[in-house]
Amino acid sequence: MILTRFIHIYLNTLKLNKNFFANKSNFGEAAIYFAISIVLINSLISIIPNSAFLNFMSSYFSLGEIQGPSLKVVLIGSIITWVIKSCYIHFIGVVIFPSKNTNCKFRKTFILMGLVQTPFIFNIFVLDTYMLLLTFITYIWYNICLIIGINVIYNYKNIFKSSLIALGHLIIFFILIFSNYNSGSIVPA
């Protein structure tokens, strides 16, 4: 029964089923354990594309053998990242930009941030540097999942606000990059 529920969660989030996020039973007592399992499974899978990326960088720049992080660092880092992203999304979505109908507890945001990481399971296929493009595809899929989930659990009427919340950190990053590039502080090689 647990495996069936786990597969149900994976399939519905991968299909971008917004009714899945609207169903309150998917955020019940056992949901936190499913979210933790998804985060831990995906952090273990992330070791594979990270190794491919490190191999690419070491061969491209002639850096020699580069050691990746230990398993303990990967697991702890993924949990810390999950908590920080959940706090960020909840603060921006509920405190700064709530809608009239937004009534969401942090626990629901925390579970959502764990469940929407399901597309990262496809990173298991990134075994070589030629497959590194797949990591971008899974990241885009993750962001679409996150936008749909935010839109549903925060009761937003349009997708624009949830897109800004989900992609806000990327927008700020690109603004900083372009502003530094235009000001001449980035020196071309």
C-alpha atoms as a PDB file:
ATOM      1  CA  MET A   1       0.000   0.000   0.000  1.00  0.00           C
ATOM      2  CA  ILE A   2       2.856   2.412   0.767  1.00  0.00           C
ATOM      3  CA  LEU A   3       4.566   1.672  -2.534  1.00  0.00           C
ATOM      4  CA  THR A   4       1.275   2.179  -4.384  1.00  0.00           C
ATOM      5  CA  ARG A   5       0.792   5.545  -2.682  1.00  0.00           C
ATOM      6  CA  PHE A   6       4.376   6.504  -3.464  1.00  0.00           C
ATOM      7  CA  ILE A   7       3.909   5.659  -7.159  1.00  0.00           C
ATOM      8  CA  HIS A   8       0.611   7.582  -7.131  1.00  0.00           C
ATOM      9  CA  ILE A   9       2.397  10.677  -5.806  1.00  0.00           C
ATOM     10  CA  TYR A  10       5.162  10.392  -8.393  1.00  0.00           C
ATOM     11  CA  LEU A  11       2.820   9.896 -11.337  1.00  0.00           C
ATOM     12  CA  ASN A  12       0.458  12.722 -10.397  1.00  0.00           C
ATOM     13  CA  THR A  13       3.204  15.257  -9.807  1.00  0.00           C
ATOM     14  CA  LEU A  14       5.033  14.222 -12.967  1.00  0.00           C
ATOM     15  CA  LYS A  15       1.794  14.625 -14.946  1.00  0.00           C
ATOM     16  CA  LEU A  16       1.442  18.138 -13.460  1.00  0.00           C
ATOM     17  CA  ASN A  17      -1.987  17.237 -12.125  1.00  0.00           C
ATOM     18  CA  LYS A  18      -3.262  20.344 -10.343  1.00  0.00           C
ATOM     19  CA  ASN A  19      -6.111  18.338  -8.786  1.00  0.00           C
ATOM     20  CA  PHE A  20      -3.451  16.354  -6.926  1.00  0.00           C
ATOM     21  CA  PHE A  21      -2.268  19.539  -5.187  1.00  0.00           C
ATOM     22  CA  ALA A  22      -5.856  20.598  -4.474  1.00  0.00           C
ATOM     23  CA  ASN A  23      -6.658  17.315  -2.697  1.00  0.00           C
ATOM     24  CA  LYS A  24      -6.174  17.870   1.046  1.00  0.00           C
ATOM     25  CA  SER A  25      -5.590  14.171   1.682  1.00  0.00           C
ATOM     26  CA  ASN A  26      -2.294  14.430  -0.209  1.00  0.00           C
ATOM     27  CA  PHE A  27      -1.041  16.769   2.524  1.00  0.00           C
ATOM     28  CA  GLY A  28      -2.130  14.601   5.455  1.00  0.00           C
ATOM     29  CA  GLU A  29      -0.123  12.962   8.216  1.00  0.00           C
ATOM     30  CA  ALA A  30       1.882  10.582   6.033  1.00  0.00           C
ATOM     31  CA  ALA A  31       2.663  13.223   3.387  1.00  0.00           C
ATOM     32  CA  ILE A  32       5.678  14.556   5.267  1.00  0.00           C
ATOM     33  CA  TYR A  33       7.264  11.095   5.175  1.00  0.00           C
ATOM     34  CA  PHE A  34       6.657  10.796   1.448  1.00  0.00           C
ATOM     35  CA  ALA A  35       8.182  14.243   0.942  1.00  0.00           C
ATOM     36  CA  ILE A  36      11.233  13.303   3.015  1.00  0.00           C
ATOM     37  CA  SER A  37      11.603  10.093   0.999  1.00  0.00           C
ATOM     38  CA  ILE A  38      11.414  11.972  -2.295  1.00  0.00           C
ATOM     39  CA  VAL A  39      14.020  14.509  -1.165  1.00  0.00           C
ATOM     40  CA  LEU A  40      16.394  11.795   0.044  1.00  0.00           C
ATOM     41  CA  ILE A  41      15.953   9.626  -3.071  1.00  0.00           C
ATOM     42  CA  ASN A  42      16.553  12.594  -5.344  1.00  0.00           C
ATOM     43  CA  SER A  43      19.599  13.702  -3.378  1.00  0.00           C
ATOM     44  CA  LEU A  44      21.087  10.230  -3.785  1.00  0.00           C
ATOM     45  CA  ILE A  45      20.281  10.305  -7.502  1.00  0.00           C
ATOM     46  CA  SER A  46      21.870  13.767  -7.810  1.00  0.00           C
ATOM     47  CA  ILE A  47      25.259  12.199  -7.172  1.00  0.00           C
ATOM     48  CA  ILE A  48      25.140  10.688 -10.700  1.00  0.00           C
ATOM     49  CA  PRO A  49      24.831  13.943 -12.749  1.00  0.00           C
ATOM     50  CA  ASN A  50      27.179  15.709 -10.337  1.00  0.00           C
ATOM     51  CA  SER A  51      29.830  13.087 -11.049  1.00  0.00           C
ATOM     52  CA  ALA A  52      29.279  13.480 -14.802  1.00  0.00           C
ATOM     53  CA  PHE A  53      29.610  17.261 -14.447  1.00  0.00           C
ATOM     54  CA  LEU A  54      32.791  16.971 -12.372  1.00  0.00           C
ATOM     55  CA  ASN A  55      34.280  14.587 -14.940  1.00  0.00           C
ATOM     56  CA  PHE A  56      33.410  17.019 -17.737  1.00  0.00           C
ATOM     57  CA  MET A  57      34.953  19.977 -15.895  1.00  0.00           C
ATOM     58  CA  SER A  58      38.099  18.071 -14.954  1.00  0.00           C
ATOM     59  CA  SER A  59      38.687  16.873 -18.519  1.00  0.00           C
ATOM     60  CA  TYR A  60      37.741  20.170 -20.193  1.00  0.00           C
ATOM     61  CA  PHE A  61      39.934  22.334 -17.966  1.00  0.00           C
ATOM     62  CA  SER A  62      42.653  19.691 -17.327  1.00  0.00           C
ATOM     63  CA  LEU A  63      42.139  19.821 -13.582  1.00  0.00           C
ATOM     64  CA  GLY A  64      42.907  16.179 -12.892  1.00  0.00           C
ATOM     65  CA  GLU A  65      40.766  14.025 -10.633  1.00  0.00           C
ATOM     66  CA  ILE A  66      38.093  15.995  -8.739  1.00  0.00           C
ATOM     67  CA  GLN A  67      36.488  14.353  -5.728  1.00  0.00           C
ATOM     68  CA  GLY A  68      32.778  14.910  -5.241  1.00  0.00           C
ATOM     69  CA  PRO A  69      31.199  15.535  -1.856  1.00  0.00           C
ATOM     70  CA  SER A  70      30.619  12.695   0.559  1.00  0.00           C
ATOM     71  CA  LEU A  71      27.251  11.004   0.898  1.00  0.00           C
ATOM     72  CA  LYS A  72      26.669  12.631   4.283  1.00  0.00           C
ATOM     73  CA  VAL A  73      27.273  16.111   2.847  1.00  0.00           C
ATOM     74  CA  VAL A  74      24.891  15.435  -0.067  1.00  0.00           C
ATOM     75  CA  LEU A  75      22.083  14.233   2.226  1.00  0.00           C
ATOM     76  CA  ILE A  76      22.466  17.008   4.799  1.00  0.00           C
ATOM     77  CA  GLY A  77      22.851  19.627   2.060  1.00  0.00           C
ATOM     78  CA  SER A  78      19.668  18.525   0.319  1.00  0.00           C
ATOM     79  CA  ILE A  79      17.657  18.682   3.542  1.00  0.00           C
ATOM     80  CA  ILE A  80      19.046  22.118   4.413  1.00  0.00           C
ATOM     81  CA  THR A  81      18.266  23.329   0.879  1.00  0.00           C
ATOM     82  CA  TRP A  82      14.733  21.935   1.170  1.00  0.00           C
ATOM     83  CA  VAL A  83      14.152  23.822   4.435  1.00  0.00           C
ATOM     84  CA  ILE A  84      15.586  27.093   3.088  1.00  0.00           C
ATOM     85  CA  LYS A  85      13.553  26.923  -0.136  1.00  0.00           C
ATOM     86  CA  SER A  86      10.411  26.130   1.848  1.00  0.00           C
ATOM     87  CA  CYS A  87      10.967  29.102   4.151  1.00  0.00           C
ATOM     88  CA  TYR A  88      11.605  31.383   1.174  1.00  0.00           C
ATOM     89  CA  ILE A  89       8.531  30.243  -0.764  1.00  0.00           C
ATOM     90  CA  HIS A  90       6.283  30.394   2.311  1.00  0.00           C
ATOM     91  CA  PHE A  91       7.501  33.843   3.349  1.00  0.00           C
ATOM     92  CA  ILE A  92       7.127  35.326  -0.121  1.00  0.00           C
ATOM     93  CA  GLY A  93       3.853  33.540  -0.935  1.00  0.00           C
ATOM     94  CA  VAL A  94       2.015  33.879   2.367  1.00  0.00           C
ATOM     95  CA  VAL A  95       3.517  36.886   4.121  1.00  0.00           C
ATOM     96  CA  ILE A  96       4.554  39.266   1.336  1.00  0.00           C
ATOM     97  CA  PHE A  97       2.248  38.427  -1.613  1.00  0.00           C
ATOM     98  CA  PRO A  98      -0.825  36.625  -0.282  1.00  0.00           C
ATOM     99  CA  SER A  99      -4.102  36.593  -2.149  1.00  0.00           C
ATOM    100  CA  LYS A 100      -7.424  37.168  -0.407  1.00  0.00           C
ATOM    101  CA  ASN A 101      -7.978  33.415  -0.101  1.00  0.00           C
ATOM    102  CA  THR A 102      -4.463  32.393   0.926  1.00  0.00           C
ATOM    103  CA  ASN A 103      -4.681  30.283   4.054  1.00  0.00           C
ATOM    104  CA  CYS A 104      -1.693  27.987   4.097  1.00  0.00           C
ATOM    105  CA  LYS A 105       0.418  26.691   6.938  1.00  0.00           C
ATOM    106  CA  PHE A 106       4.183  26.225   6.637  1.00  0.00           C
ATOM    107  CA  ARG A 107       3.771  22.457   6.893  1.00  0.00           C
ATOM    108  CA  LYS A 108       1.809  22.381   3.632  1.00  0.00           C
ATOM    109  CA  THR A 109       4.446  24.494   1.876  1.00  0.00           C
ATOM    110  CA  PHE A 110       7.166  22.237   3.278  1.00  0.00           C
ATOM    111  CA  ILE A 111       5.405  19.127   1.960  1.00  0.00           C
ATOM    112  CA  LEU A 112       4.782  20.791  -1.402  1.00  0.00           C
ATOM    113  CA  MET A 113       8.469  21.643  -1.766  1.00  0.00           C
ATOM    114  CA  GLY A 114       9.316  17.994  -1.169  1.00  0.00           C
ATOM    115  CA  LEU A 115       6.683  16.568  -3.500  1.00  0.00           C
ATOM    116  CA  VAL A 116       7.484  18.804  -6.465  1.00  0.00           C
ATOM    117  CA  GLN A 117      11.034  17.451  -6.574  1.00  0.00           C
ATOM    118  CA  THR A 118       9.786  14.289  -8.285  1.00  0.00           C
ATOM    119  CA  PRO A 119      11.048  15.246 -11.797  1.00  0.00           C
ATOM    120  CA  PHE A 120      14.603  15.014 -10.478  1.00  0.00           C
ATOM    121  CA  ILE A 121      14.262  11.228 -10.496  1.00  0.00           C
ATOM    122  CA  PHE A 122      15.064  11.357 -14.224  1.00  0.00           C
ATOM    123  CA  ASN A 123      18.558  12.591 -13.394  1.00  0.00           C
ATOM    124  CA  ILE A 124      19.382   8.932 -12.882  1.00  0.00           C
ATOM    125  CA  PHE A 125      19.810   8.735 -16.674  1.00  0.00           C
ATOM    126  CA  VAL A 126      22.593  11.341 -16.700  1.00  0.00           C
ATOM    127  CA  LEU A 127      25.482   8.905 -16.757  1.00  0.00           C
ATOM    128  CA  ASP A 128      27.710  10.790 -19.175  1.00  0.00           C
ATOM    129  CA  THR A 129      28.526  14.380 -20.050  1.00  0.00           C
ATOM    130  CA  TYR A 130      26.452  14.094 -23.219  1.00  0.00           C
ATOM    131  CA  MET A 131      23.317  13.673 -21.105  1.00  0.00           C
ATOM    132  CA  LEU A 132      23.887  16.757 -18.908  1.00  0.00           C
ATOM    133  CA  LEU A 133      21.194  18.617 -20.873  1.00  0.00           C
ATOM    134  CA  LEU A 134      18.651  16.342 -19.196  1.00  0.00           C
ATOM    135  CA  THR A 135      19.376  18.090 -15.869  1.00  0.00           C
ATOM    136  CA  PHE A 136      18.119  21.366 -17.358  1.00  0.00           C
ATOM    137  CA  ILE A 137      14.976  19.645 -18.605  1.00  0.00           C
ATOM    138  CA  THR A 138      14.261  18.160 -15.175  1.00  0.00           C
ATOM    139  CA  TYR A 139      14.924  21.549 -13.555  1.00  0.00           C
ATOM    140  CA  ILE A 140      12.408  23.226 -15.880  1.00  0.00           C
ATOM    141  CA  TRP A 141       9.920  20.437 -15.143  1.00  0.00           C
ATOM    142  CA  TYR A 142      10.496  20.946 -11.403  1.00  0.00           C
ATOM    143  CA  ASN A 143       9.809  24.678 -11.737  1.00  0.00           C
ATOM    144  CA  ILE A 144       6.589  24.052 -13.678  1.00  0.00           C
ATOM    145  CA  CYS A 145       5.516  21.608 -10.946  1.00  0.00           C
ATOM    146  CA  LEU A 146       6.354  24.201  -8.314  1.00  0.00           C
ATOM    147  CA  ILE A 147       4.432  26.959 -10.101  1.00  0.00           C
ATOM    148  CA  ILE A 148       1.326  24.770 -10.375  1.00  0.00           C
ATOM    149  CA  GLY A 149       1.619  23.663  -6.734  1.00  0.00           C
ATOM    150  CA  ILE A 150       2.069  27.226  -5.445  1.00  0.00           C
ATOM    151  CA  ASN A 151      -0.849  28.419  -7.528  1.00  0.00           C
ATOM    152  CA  VAL A 152      -3.129  25.739  -6.072  1.00  0.00           C
ATOM    153  CA  ILE A 153      -2.152  25.721  -2.382  1.00  0.00           C
ATOM    154  CA  TYR A 154      -2.004  29.528  -2.086  1.00  0.00           C
ATOM    155  CA  ASN A 155      -5.310  29.943  -3.990  1.00  0.00           C
ATOM    156  CA  TYR A 156      -3.934  32.372  -6.563  1.00  0.00           C
ATOM    157  CA  LYS A 157      -6.233  33.311  -9.423  1.00  0.00           C
ATOM    158  CA  ASN A 158      -3.508  33.562 -12.060  1.00  0.00           C
ATOM    159  CA  ILE A 159      -0.252  31.827 -12.782  1.00  0.00           C
ATOM    160  CA  PHE A 160       1.780  35.051 -12.939  1.00  0.00           C
ATOM    161  CA  LYS A 161       2.118  35.558  -9.184  1.00  0.00           C
ATOM    162  CA  SER A 162       3.075  31.938  -8.546  1.00  0.00           C
ATOM    163  CA  SER A 163       5.604  32.125 -11.400  1.00  0.00           C
ATOM    164  CA  LEU A 164       7.222  35.181  -9.839  1.00  0.00           C
ATOM    165  CA  ILE A 165       7.403  33.464  -6.463  1.00  0.00           C
ATOM    166  CA  ALA A 166       8.845  30.234  -7.866  1.00  0.00           C
ATOM    167  CA  LEU A 167      11.302  31.901 -10.232  1.00  0.00           C
ATOM    168  CA  GLY A 168      12.096  35.018  -8.196  1.00  0.00           C
ATOM    169  CA  HIS A 169      15.543  33.868  -7.172  1.00  0.00           C
ATOM    170  CA  LEU A 170      16.461  33.128 -10.815  1.00  0.00           C
ATOM    171  CA  ILE A 171      15.141  36.506 -11.959  1.00  0.00           C
ATOM    172  CA  ILE A 172      17.240  38.297  -9.334  1.00  0.00           C
ATOM    173  CA  PHE A 173      20.289  36.219 -10.298  1.00  0.00           C
ATOM    174  CA  PHE A 174      19.983  37.103 -13.995  1.00  0.00           C
ATOM    175  CA  ILE A 175      19.394  40.778 -13.205  1.00  0.00           C
ATOM    176  CA  LEU A 176      22.608  40.808 -11.166  1.00  0.00           C
ATOM    177  CA  ILE A 177      24.541  39.026 -13.922  1.00  0.00           C
ATOM    178  CA  PHE A 178      23.299  41.385 -16.633  1.00  0.00           C
ATOM    179  CA  SER A 179      23.865  44.484 -14.492  1.00  0.00           C
ATOM    180  CA  ASN A 180      27.434  43.383 -13.754  1.00  0.00           C
ATOM    181  CA  TYR A 181      27.998  42.600 -17.416  1.00  0.00           C
ATOM    182  CA  ASN A 182      26.657  45.983 -18.559  1.00  0.00           C
ATOM    183  CA  SER A 183      28.667  47.905 -15.972  1.00  0.00           C
ATOM    184  CA  GLY A 184      31.883  46.312 -17.237  1.00  0.00           C
ATOM    185  CA  SER A 185      32.812  44.573 -13.996  1.00  0.00           C
ATOM    186  CA  ILE A 186      32.966  41.198 -15.745  1.00  0.00           C
ATOM    187  CA  VAL A 187      36.197  41.093 -17.689  1.00  0.00           C
ATOM    188  CA  PRO A 188      36.087  38.940 -20.856  1.00  0.00           C
ATOM    189  CA  ALA A 189      38.765  36.263 -21.067  1.00  0.00           C
END
